[in-house]
Structures are given as C-alpha cells and as structure tokens.
Amino acid sequence: MFARIDHIGIAVTDLDAALVLYERDYEMTLVHRETVTEQGVEAVLLDVGENHVELLAPLGDDTPVGKFLAKKGPGIHHVAYQTTDIVAELERLAAAGIQLIDQTPRIGIRGSSVAFVHPKSTGGVLTEIVQPAAGH
C-alpha cells in the first residue's frame, strides 16, 4: 500500500537555472543534491510540506532522462509514491497485472530503494515506487 506521494519528478535541461525558479520564485527549500550515476542524473530534492519536488538533469543524452528530454522536452517526468515495503508492493502490483520496468528495487536518491512501473500500465504516467532509506 502507498503511504503518500513522495515526490513529483521534473526533467530539466539546466539544473542550476531550474533551481532559480524553485528556490527564489517558488520559495521551496533545497534539502538535498546528489549525482545518481546508476540512473544517469544529477538530482535535487526541494521540500513542499511533507513531500518533495525532484528536479532531474541528465548526465548524458543516452540516459533515460536525456532521452525523455530529447523526445518530450522539459516537464513532469514521473510521480513517485512512498511505501514501507517496496518488495511486497512490487509483488502486489505484478500480481495485479501491472507491467513493471524494475522487477527488483534499485538504489535511488539518498540511498532509497526505488522501482519504476511502466506507463503502459498506468494511463501513460511513469510511476516510481520509493521506500526511503532509514532516517529519511
């Protein structure tokens, strides 16, 4: 079961320029910045209440976010839902016939466990399942 919306992922071409909008104009607080090599992005988390906006800049054109930007341009990339047991959640979704991109979790930002669900199974929305690391 999902506990809450964890974050909304937004693909950007220039992370520092995007931060001007989100920090200065939207007055969101930057809480974390990290390069997630496994996913091919530099990412930041900004607080919005108990949730986050995650800005994603690709490390190269051949990464998933790089390909997304080339095809669709900057904008909403995914919606992420938080769970306390990602393995059980992936098993539940697979049993319900939902097409998974990730059969097993991988490491995401701040050491979280993450897995993606294919947009073909979710009305066109790329969906991420997140189990935060201890202490987050």
N, C-alpha and C. Protein backbone atom coordinates (compact mmCIF):
# COMPACT_ATOMS: atom_id res chain seq x y z
N MET A 1 0.84 -1.17 0.00
CA MET A 1 0.00 0.00 0.00
C MET A 1 0.89 1.24 0.00
N PHE A 2 0.42 2.26 -0.69
CA PHE A 2 1.17 3.51 -0.74
C PHE A 2 0.84 4.36 0.48
N ALA A 3 1.87 4.94 1.07
CA ALA A 3 1.69 5.77 2.26
C ALA A 3 1.34 7.21 1.90
N ARG A 4 1.95 7.72 0.81
CA ARG A 4 1.72 9.10 0.38
C ARG A 4 2.44 9.34 -0.92
N ILE A 5 2.22 10.51 -1.52
CA ILE A 5 3.05 10.91 -2.64
C ILE A 5 4.41 11.30 -2.06
N ASP A 6 5.45 10.70 -2.60
CA ASP A 6 6.80 11.01 -2.13
C ASP A 6 7.32 12.24 -2.85
N HIS A 7 7.23 12.23 -4.18
CA HIS A 7 7.70 13.39 -4.93
C HIS A 7 7.14 13.38 -6.35
N ILE A 8 7.26 14.50 -6.99
CA ILE A 8 7.00 14.65 -8.41
C ILE A 8 8.36 14.90 -9.06
N GLY A 9 8.71 14.09 -10.05
CA GLY A 9 9.98 14.23 -10.74
C GLY A 9 9.82 15.11 -11.97
N ILE A 10 10.67 16.10 -12.12
CA ILE A 10 10.61 17.03 -13.24
C ILE A 10 11.96 17.02 -13.96
N ALA A 11 11.92 16.72 -15.26
CA ALA A 11 13.12 16.70 -16.08
C ALA A 11 13.47 18.13 -16.50
N VAL A 12 14.73 18.49 -16.32
CA VAL A 12 15.20 19.83 -16.69
C VAL A 12 16.49 19.71 -17.49
N THR A 13 16.75 20.70 -18.32
CA THR A 13 17.99 20.70 -19.09
C THR A 13 19.13 21.37 -18.33
N ASP A 14 18.80 22.33 -17.46
CA ASP A 14 19.80 23.08 -16.71
C ASP A 14 19.36 23.13 -15.25
N LEU A 15 19.99 22.32 -14.43
CA LEU A 15 19.59 22.20 -13.03
C LEU A 15 19.73 23.52 -12.27
N ASP A 16 20.83 24.21 -12.45
CA ASP A 16 21.03 25.45 -11.72
C ASP A 16 20.02 26.52 -12.12
N ALA A 17 19.68 26.61 -13.40
CA ALA A 17 18.67 27.57 -13.84
C ALA A 17 17.30 27.21 -13.27
N ALA A 18 16.99 25.92 -13.24
CA ALA A 18 15.71 25.49 -12.68
C ALA A 18 15.63 25.81 -11.18
N LEU A 19 16.76 25.69 -10.49
CA LEU A 19 16.77 25.99 -9.06
C LEU A 19 16.42 27.45 -8.78
N VAL A 20 16.76 28.34 -9.68
CA VAL A 20 16.39 29.75 -9.50
C VAL A 20 14.88 29.88 -9.38
N LEU A 21 14.16 29.23 -10.28
CA LEU A 21 12.70 29.27 -10.24
C LEU A 21 12.17 28.66 -8.95
N TYR A 22 12.63 27.46 -8.63
CA TYR A 22 12.06 26.73 -7.49
C TYR A 22 12.46 27.33 -6.14
N GLU A 23 13.71 27.74 -5.99
CA GLU A 23 14.15 28.31 -4.71
C GLU A 23 13.74 29.77 -4.57
N ARG A 24 14.05 30.58 -5.55
CA ARG A 24 13.80 32.02 -5.43
C ARG A 24 12.32 32.36 -5.62
N ASP A 25 11.75 31.90 -6.73
CA ASP A 25 10.39 32.32 -7.07
C ASP A 25 9.32 31.51 -6.35
N TYR A 26 9.50 30.19 -6.26
CA TYR A 26 8.52 29.35 -5.56
C TYR A 26 8.80 29.27 -4.06
N GLU A 27 9.98 29.74 -3.66
CA GLU A 27 10.40 29.74 -2.26
C GLU A 27 10.41 28.35 -1.63
N MET A 28 10.82 27.35 -2.42
CA MET A 28 11.00 26.00 -1.91
C MET A 28 12.42 25.87 -1.37
N THR A 29 12.58 25.03 -0.36
CA THR A 29 13.88 24.83 0.26
C THR A 29 14.58 23.63 -0.34
N LEU A 30 15.80 23.85 -0.84
CA LEU A 30 16.63 22.77 -1.33
C LEU A 30 17.11 21.96 -0.13
N VAL A 31 16.82 20.65 -0.13
CA VAL A 31 17.21 19.82 1.01
C VAL A 31 18.27 18.78 0.66
N HIS A 32 18.46 18.52 -0.64
CA HIS A 32 19.44 17.50 -1.00
C HIS A 32 19.81 17.64 -2.47
N ARG A 33 21.11 17.45 -2.76
CA ARG A 33 21.60 17.43 -4.14
C ARG A 33 22.56 16.27 -4.27
N GLU A 34 22.41 15.51 -5.36
CA GLU A 34 23.21 14.28 -5.50
C GLU A 34 23.29 13.87 -6.97
N THR A 35 24.42 13.30 -7.35
CA THR A 35 24.53 12.65 -8.64
C THR A 35 24.21 11.17 -8.42
N VAL A 36 23.20 10.68 -9.13
CA VAL A 36 22.80 9.28 -9.04
C VAL A 36 23.27 8.62 -10.33
N THR A 37 24.49 8.15 -10.31
CA THR A 37 25.13 7.62 -11.51
C THR A 37 24.33 6.46 -12.09
N GLU A 38 23.83 5.57 -11.23
CA GLU A 38 23.08 4.41 -11.69
C GLU A 38 21.88 4.81 -12.56
N GLN A 39 21.27 5.97 -12.26
CA GLN A 39 20.12 6.41 -13.03
C GLN A 39 20.49 7.49 -14.05
N GLY A 40 21.75 7.88 -14.09
CA GLY A 40 22.22 8.82 -15.09
C GLY A 40 21.72 10.24 -14.92
N VAL A 41 21.57 10.67 -13.66
CA VAL A 41 21.05 12.02 -13.41
C VAL A 41 21.80 12.71 -12.29
N GLU A 42 21.74 14.03 -12.33
CA GLU A 42 22.01 14.84 -11.15
C GLU A 42 20.64 15.26 -10.68
N ALA A 43 20.37 15.08 -9.40
CA ALA A 43 19.03 15.32 -8.88
C ALA A 43 19.08 16.18 -7.63
N VAL A 44 18.02 16.96 -7.44
CA VAL A 44 17.85 17.72 -6.21
C VAL A 44 16.45 17.45 -5.68
N LEU A 45 16.33 17.53 -4.37
CA LEU A 45 15.03 17.45 -3.72
C LEU A 45 14.75 18.79 -3.07
N LEU A 46 13.55 19.28 -3.30
CA LEU A 46 13.08 20.52 -2.68
C LEU A 46 11.84 20.18 -1.85
N ASP A 47 11.77 20.74 -0.65
CA ASP A 47 10.64 20.48 0.23
C ASP A 47 9.38 21.21 -0.23
N VAL A 48 8.27 20.48 -0.18
CA VAL A 48 6.94 21.04 -0.35
C VAL A 48 6.09 20.35 0.72
N GLY A 49 6.01 20.95 1.90
CA GLY A 49 5.34 20.29 3.02
C GLY A 49 6.08 19.00 3.34
N GLU A 50 5.35 17.89 3.45
CA GLU A 50 5.99 16.60 3.73
C GLU A 50 6.41 15.89 2.45
N ASN A 51 6.19 16.52 1.31
CA ASN A 51 6.52 15.94 0.02
C ASN A 51 7.69 16.69 -0.60
N HIS A 52 8.07 16.26 -1.81
CA HIS A 52 9.20 16.87 -2.50
C HIS A 52 8.90 17.08 -3.98
N VAL A 53 9.60 18.04 -4.53
CA VAL A 53 9.78 18.14 -5.98
C VAL A 53 11.20 17.68 -6.23
N GLU A 54 11.37 16.79 -7.19
CA GLU A 54 12.69 16.29 -7.55
C GLU A 54 13.00 16.81 -8.95
N LEU A 55 14.05 17.61 -9.07
CA LEU A 55 14.50 18.09 -10.36
C LEU A 55 15.59 17.15 -10.85
N LEU A 56 15.48 16.73 -12.11
CA LEU A 56 16.39 15.75 -12.68
C LEU A 56 17.06 16.31 -13.93
N ALA A 57 18.37 16.37 -13.93
CA ALA A 57 19.14 16.78 -15.11
C ALA A 57 19.96 15.58 -15.57
N PRO A 58 19.91 15.24 -16.85
CA PRO A 58 20.62 14.05 -17.33
C PRO A 58 22.13 14.24 -17.32
N LEU A 59 22.83 13.13 -17.09
CA LEU A 59 24.28 13.14 -17.18
C LEU A 59 24.75 12.96 -18.62
N GLY A 60 23.83 12.59 -19.50
CA GLY A 60 24.15 12.42 -20.92
C GLY A 60 22.88 12.24 -21.72
N ASP A 61 23.01 12.36 -23.04
CA ASP A 61 21.86 12.22 -23.92
C ASP A 61 21.31 10.80 -23.98
N ASP A 62 22.15 9.80 -23.68
CA ASP A 62 21.74 8.41 -23.79
C ASP A 62 21.15 7.85 -22.50
N THR A 63 20.93 8.69 -21.50
CA THR A 63 20.32 8.26 -20.23
C THR A 63 18.80 8.33 -20.37
N PRO A 64 18.05 7.67 -19.48
CA PRO A 64 16.59 7.74 -19.57
C PRO A 64 16.05 9.19 -19.55
N VAL A 65 16.57 10.03 -18.67
CA VAL A 65 16.08 11.42 -18.62
C VAL A 65 16.57 12.19 -19.85
N GLY A 66 17.77 11.91 -20.32
CA GLY A 66 18.25 12.54 -21.55
C GLY A 66 17.38 12.20 -22.74
N LYS A 67 16.98 10.94 -22.86
CA LYS A 67 16.09 10.52 -23.94
C LYS A 67 14.71 11.15 -23.79
N PHE A 68 14.22 11.24 -22.55
CA PHE A 68 12.93 11.88 -22.28
C PHE A 68 12.96 13.32 -22.76
N LEU A 69 14.01 14.06 -22.39
CA LEU A 69 14.12 15.46 -22.78
C LEU A 69 14.18 15.61 -24.30
N ALA A 70 14.90 14.73 -24.98
CA ALA A 70 15.00 14.80 -26.43
C ALA A 70 13.66 14.56 -27.10
N LYS A 71 12.86 13.69 -26.51
CA LYS A 71 11.56 13.33 -27.10
C LYS A 71 10.45 14.30 -26.71
N LYS A 72 10.41 14.70 -25.44
CA LYS A 72 9.28 15.47 -24.93
C LYS A 72 9.62 16.86 -24.44
N GLY A 73 10.90 17.13 -24.20
CA GLY A 73 11.30 18.41 -23.65
C GLY A 73 11.14 18.44 -22.14
N PRO A 74 11.51 19.56 -21.52
CA PRO A 74 11.41 19.67 -20.06
C PRO A 74 9.96 19.54 -19.59
N GLY A 75 9.82 18.98 -18.38
CA GLY A 75 8.49 18.87 -17.79
C GLY A 75 8.38 17.71 -16.84
N ILE A 76 7.15 17.40 -16.46
CA ILE A 76 6.91 16.32 -15.49
C ILE A 76 7.38 15.00 -16.10
N HIS A 77 8.23 14.33 -15.35
CA HIS A 77 8.80 13.06 -15.78
C HIS A 77 8.09 11.87 -15.13
N HIS A 78 7.83 11.98 -13.82
CA HIS A 78 7.18 10.87 -13.12
C HIS A 78 6.53 11.34 -11.82
N VAL A 79 5.66 10.47 -11.30
CA VAL A 79 5.07 10.65 -9.97
C VAL A 79 5.58 9.49 -9.13
N ALA A 80 6.02 9.79 -7.90
CA ALA A 80 6.57 8.76 -7.02
C ALA A 80 5.69 8.61 -5.78
N TYR A 81 5.37 7.36 -5.48
CA TYR A 81 4.58 7.03 -4.30
C TYR A 81 5.46 6.31 -3.29
N GLN A 82 5.28 6.65 -2.04
CA GLN A 82 6.10 6.07 -0.97
C GLN A 82 5.43 4.84 -0.38
N THR A 83 6.25 3.86 -0.04
CA THR A 83 5.78 2.64 0.60
C THR A 83 6.76 2.27 1.71
N THR A 84 6.32 1.44 2.62
CA THR A 84 7.20 0.96 3.68
C THR A 84 7.81 -0.40 3.34
N ASP A 85 7.31 -1.06 2.27
CA ASP A 85 7.83 -2.37 1.87
C ASP A 85 7.78 -2.48 0.36
N ILE A 86 8.85 -2.04 -0.30
CA ILE A 86 8.86 -1.98 -1.76
C ILE A 86 8.78 -3.36 -2.40
N VAL A 87 9.41 -4.36 -1.80
CA VAL A 87 9.37 -5.71 -2.37
C VAL A 87 7.93 -6.23 -2.38
N ALA A 88 7.24 -6.09 -1.28
CA ALA A 88 5.84 -6.53 -1.21
C ALA A 88 4.97 -5.73 -2.18
N GLU A 89 5.25 -4.44 -2.32
CA GLU A 89 4.47 -3.60 -3.24
C GLU A 89 4.68 -4.03 -4.69
N LEU A 90 5.91 -4.32 -5.06
CA LEU A 90 6.17 -4.79 -6.41
C LEU A 90 5.49 -6.14 -6.67
N GLU A 91 5.51 -7.02 -5.70
CA GLU A 91 4.83 -8.31 -5.84
C GLU A 91 3.33 -8.11 -6.00
N ARG A 92 2.75 -7.20 -5.23
CA ARG A 92 1.32 -6.92 -5.30
C ARG A 92 0.94 -6.36 -6.66
N LEU A 93 1.74 -5.41 -7.15
CA LEU A 93 1.45 -4.80 -8.45
C LEU A 93 1.59 -5.82 -9.58
N ALA A 94 2.64 -6.65 -9.54
CA ALA A 94 2.82 -7.67 -10.57
C ALA A 94 1.66 -8.66 -10.57
N ALA A 95 1.21 -9.04 -9.38
CA ALA A 95 0.08 -9.97 -9.27
C ALA A 95 -1.21 -9.36 -9.83
N ALA A 96 -1.30 -8.04 -9.78
CA ALA A 96 -2.47 -7.34 -10.31
C ALA A 96 -2.37 -7.13 -11.82
N GLY A 97 -1.25 -7.59 -12.42
CA GLY A 97 -1.09 -7.47 -13.86
C GLY A 97 -0.46 -6.16 -14.32
N ILE A 98 0.10 -5.41 -13.39
CA ILE A 98 0.76 -4.15 -13.72
C ILE A 98 2.15 -4.46 -14.28
N GLN A 99 2.50 -3.83 -15.41
CA GLN A 99 3.80 -4.04 -16.04
C GLN A 99 4.88 -3.24 -15.31
N LEU A 100 5.87 -3.94 -14.79
CA LEU A 100 6.96 -3.32 -14.06
C LEU A 100 8.15 -3.09 -14.97
N ILE A 101 8.80 -1.96 -14.85
CA ILE A 101 10.08 -1.73 -15.50
C ILE A 101 11.16 -2.41 -14.67
N ASP A 102 11.08 -2.25 -13.37
CA ASP A 102 12.03 -2.86 -12.43
C ASP A 102 11.34 -3.98 -11.67
N GLN A 103 11.84 -5.20 -11.84
CA GLN A 103 11.30 -6.34 -11.11
C GLN A 103 11.78 -6.35 -9.67
N THR A 104 12.96 -5.78 -9.46
CA THR A 104 13.53 -5.67 -8.12
C THR A 104 13.96 -4.21 -7.91
N PRO A 105 14.00 -3.77 -6.67
CA PRO A 105 14.39 -2.39 -6.40
C PRO A 105 15.84 -2.11 -6.74
N ARG A 106 16.11 -0.84 -7.02
CA ARG A 106 17.48 -0.35 -7.21
C ARG A 106 17.68 0.83 -6.29
N ILE A 107 18.90 1.33 -6.24
CA ILE A 107 19.21 2.44 -5.33
C ILE A 107 18.87 3.76 -6.01
N GLY A 108 18.17 4.62 -5.27
CA GLY A 108 17.80 5.94 -5.74
C GLY A 108 18.46 7.02 -4.89
N ILE A 109 17.93 8.21 -5.00
CA ILE A 109 18.46 9.37 -4.27
C ILE A 109 18.39 9.13 -2.76
N ARG A 110 19.37 9.59 -2.05
CA ARG A 110 19.51 9.45 -0.59
C ARG A 110 19.48 7.99 -0.14
N GLY A 111 19.93 7.08 -0.99
CA GLY A 111 20.00 5.67 -0.61
C GLY A 111 18.67 4.96 -0.55
N SER A 112 17.63 5.58 -1.10
CA SER A 112 16.31 4.95 -1.08
C SER A 112 16.28 3.74 -2.01
N SER A 113 15.31 2.86 -1.80
CA SER A 113 15.05 1.76 -2.72
C SER A 113 13.93 2.23 -3.64
N VAL A 114 14.15 2.09 -4.96
CA VAL A 114 13.17 2.58 -5.93
C VAL A 114 12.94 1.55 -7.01
N ALA A 115 11.78 1.64 -7.63
CA ALA A 115 11.44 0.81 -8.78
C ALA A 115 10.41 1.57 -9.60
N PHE A 116 10.47 1.37 -10.92
CA PHE A 116 9.56 2.08 -11.81
C PHE A 116 8.52 1.13 -12.40
N VAL A 117 7.33 1.69 -12.61
CA VAL A 117 6.21 0.98 -13.20
C VAL A 117 6.01 1.56 -14.60
N HIS A 118 5.78 0.69 -15.58
CA HIS A 118 5.68 1.12 -16.97
C HIS A 118 4.43 1.98 -17.21
N PRO A 119 4.59 3.09 -17.93
CA PRO A 119 3.44 3.96 -18.21
C PRO A 119 2.32 3.28 -18.99
N LYS A 120 2.63 2.20 -19.71
CA LYS A 120 1.58 1.48 -20.44
C LYS A 120 0.54 0.89 -19.49
N SER A 121 0.94 0.65 -18.25
CA SER A 121 0.03 0.07 -17.26
C SER A 121 -0.62 1.11 -16.36
N THR A 122 -0.24 2.37 -16.53
CA THR A 122 -0.71 3.40 -15.57
C THR A 122 -1.31 4.61 -16.27
N GLY A 123 -1.94 4.40 -17.38
CA GLY A 123 -2.59 5.50 -18.07
C GLY A 123 -1.61 6.52 -18.63
N GLY A 124 -0.40 6.09 -18.96
CA GLY A 124 0.59 6.98 -19.55
C GLY A 124 1.48 7.71 -18.57
N VAL A 125 1.35 7.42 -17.29
CA VAL A 125 2.15 8.11 -16.26
C VAL A 125 3.27 7.18 -15.79
N LEU A 126 4.53 7.62 -15.99
CA LEU A 126 5.64 6.88 -15.42
C LEU A 126 5.54 7.00 -13.91
N THR A 127 5.53 5.85 -13.24
CA THR A 127 5.32 5.82 -11.79
C THR A 127 6.53 5.20 -11.11
N GLU A 128 6.97 5.83 -10.04
CA GLU A 128 8.08 5.33 -9.25
C GLU A 128 7.55 4.94 -7.88
N ILE A 129 8.02 3.81 -7.40
CA ILE A 129 7.71 3.36 -6.04
C ILE A 129 8.98 3.60 -5.23
N VAL A 130 8.84 4.22 -4.05
CA VAL A 130 10.00 4.61 -3.24
C VAL A 130 9.84 4.09 -1.81
N GLN A 131 10.89 3.43 -1.34
CA GLN A 131 11.00 3.11 0.09
C GLN A 131 12.21 3.88 0.59
N PRO A 132 11.97 4.94 1.36
CA PRO A 132 13.09 5.77 1.83
C PRO A 132 14.08 4.94 2.67
N ALA A 133 15.33 5.35 2.62
CA ALA A 133 16.34 4.75 3.48
C ALA A 133 16.05 5.13 4.92
N ALA A 134 16.55 4.36 5.84
CA ALA A 134 16.35 4.65 7.26
C ALA A 134 16.81 6.07 7.56
N GLY A 135 16.02 6.79 8.33
CA GLY A 135 16.35 8.15 8.70
C GLY A 135 15.83 9.22 7.76
N HIS A 136 15.19 8.81 6.69
CA HIS A 136 14.63 9.78 5.75
C HIS A 136 13.15 9.59 5.71
